[in-house]
């Protein structure tokens, strides 16, 4: 059976109460029930939406390169195949469902 993944967002309490995406919660699920390939696309789409005024990344490698050595950046793919990026005090990441 194929593993399923979700896109999670995390921030600290101060921002969670001011950002409607979080609605007062520090951890929220953005999307779930995704294959890893679908999660990759969704996370890249989120990256491009968040950074729309600064960058456009055609793929994840480009997202990592564009934000390298920046305070908020895209991480290289982790050993387990998941990915993450940070934007303005918010962290978006792929997580295996059930974890």
Protein backbone atom coordinates (compact mmCIF):
# COMPACT_ATOMS: atom_id res chain seq x y z
CA UNK A 1 0.00 0.00 0.00
CA UNK A 2 1.31 3.43 -0.97
CA UNK A 3 2.19 5.82 1.85
CA UNK A 4 0.11 8.97 2.17
CA UNK A 5 1.42 12.39 3.12
CA UNK A 6 0.10 15.72 4.36
CA UNK A 7 1.24 19.32 4.16
CA UNK A 8 1.56 20.90 7.60
CA UNK A 9 2.14 24.50 8.64
CA UNK A 10 3.66 25.61 11.94
CA UNK A 11 4.16 28.99 13.55
CA UNK A 12 4.51 30.43 17.01
CA UNK A 13 1.57 31.54 19.14
CA UNK A 14 1.83 35.28 18.44
CA UNK A 15 1.57 34.80 14.67
CA UNK A 16 -1.00 31.99 15.01
CA UNK A 17 -3.44 34.46 16.56
CA UNK A 18 -2.87 37.06 13.83
CA UNK A 19 -2.74 34.91 10.68
CA UNK A 20 -6.12 33.64 9.44
CA UNK A 21 -4.41 30.58 7.94
CA UNK A 22 -3.71 29.38 11.49
CA UNK A 23 -6.90 30.66 13.19
CA UNK A 24 -5.18 30.72 16.59
CA UNK A 25 -3.53 27.28 16.27
CA UNK A 26 0.24 26.83 16.03
CA UNK A 27 -0.02 23.68 13.86
CA UNK A 28 -2.49 23.23 11.00
CA UNK A 29 -2.94 20.73 8.20
CA UNK A 30 -3.01 22.44 4.81
CA UNK A 31 -3.73 19.31 2.74
CA UNK A 32 -3.79 15.55 3.36
CA UNK A 33 -4.25 12.20 1.64
CA UNK A 34 -1.52 12.98 -0.89
CA UNK A 35 0.99 10.76 -2.62
CA UNK A 36 4.56 11.96 -2.18
CA UNK A 37 4.57 13.29 -5.76
CA UNK A 38 1.34 15.23 -5.10
CA UNK A 39 2.78 16.57 -1.84
CA UNK A 40 5.90 17.75 -3.70
CA UNK A 41 3.76 19.68 -6.20
CA UNK A 42 1.53 21.15 -3.49
CA UNK A 43 4.52 22.29 -1.41
CA UNK A 44 6.19 23.87 -4.46
CA UNK A 45 2.92 25.64 -5.31
CA UNK A 46 2.76 26.94 -1.71
CA UNK A 47 6.38 28.09 -1.92
CA UNK A 48 5.68 30.01 -5.14
CA UNK A 49 2.52 31.55 -3.66
CA UNK A 50 4.33 32.71 -0.51
CA UNK A 51 7.37 34.05 -2.36
CA UNK A 52 5.42 35.40 -5.37
CA UNK A 53 6.85 38.91 -4.98
CA UNK A 54 10.46 37.67 -4.72
CA UNK A 55 10.97 34.36 -6.51
CA UNK A 56 9.50 31.78 -8.83
CA UNK A 57 10.87 28.25 -8.66
CA UNK A 58 10.13 25.83 -11.50
CA UNK A 59 11.28 22.93 -9.32
CA UNK A 60 12.41 22.19 -5.76
CA UNK A 61 16.12 22.41 -6.55
CA UNK A 62 15.58 25.95 -7.80
CA UNK A 63 13.62 26.84 -4.62
CA UNK A 64 16.56 25.64 -2.51
CA UNK A 65 19.08 27.59 -4.63
CA UNK A 66 17.03 30.80 -4.66
CA UNK A 67 16.73 30.89 -0.87
CA UNK A 68 20.15 29.55 0.06
CA UNK A 69 21.80 31.51 2.90
CA UNK A 70 18.57 33.43 3.57
CA UNK A 71 16.87 33.70 6.97
CA UNK A 72 13.82 31.89 5.55
CA UNK A 73 14.67 29.15 3.09
CA UNK A 74 13.70 25.94 1.36
CA UNK A 75 15.49 22.85 2.64
CA UNK A 76 17.03 20.19 0.43
CA UNK A 77 15.01 16.97 0.34
CA UNK A 78 15.42 15.03 3.59
CA UNK A 79 16.53 11.38 3.71
CA UNK A 80 12.93 10.22 4.16
CA UNK A 81 11.90 12.06 0.97
CA UNK A 82 10.08 14.91 2.70
CA UNK A 83 10.72 18.62 2.14
CA UNK A 84 10.10 21.90 3.94
CA UNK A 85 10.44 25.65 3.63
CA UNK A 86 10.13 28.64 5.89
CA UNK A 87 8.50 31.95 5.15
CA UNK A 88 8.18 34.90 7.53
CA UNK A 89 8.04 32.91 10.77
CA UNK A 90 6.00 30.08 9.31
CA UNK A 91 7.27 26.59 8.46
CA UNK A 92 5.56 24.48 5.79
CA UNK A 93 6.52 20.83 5.53
CA UNK A 94 5.57 17.42 4.17
CA UNK A 95 4.85 14.79 6.77
CA UNK A 96 3.87 11.15 6.42
CA UNK A 97 0.30 10.61 7.58
CA UNK A 98 0.02 8.68 10.81
CA UNK A 99 3.16 10.33 12.23
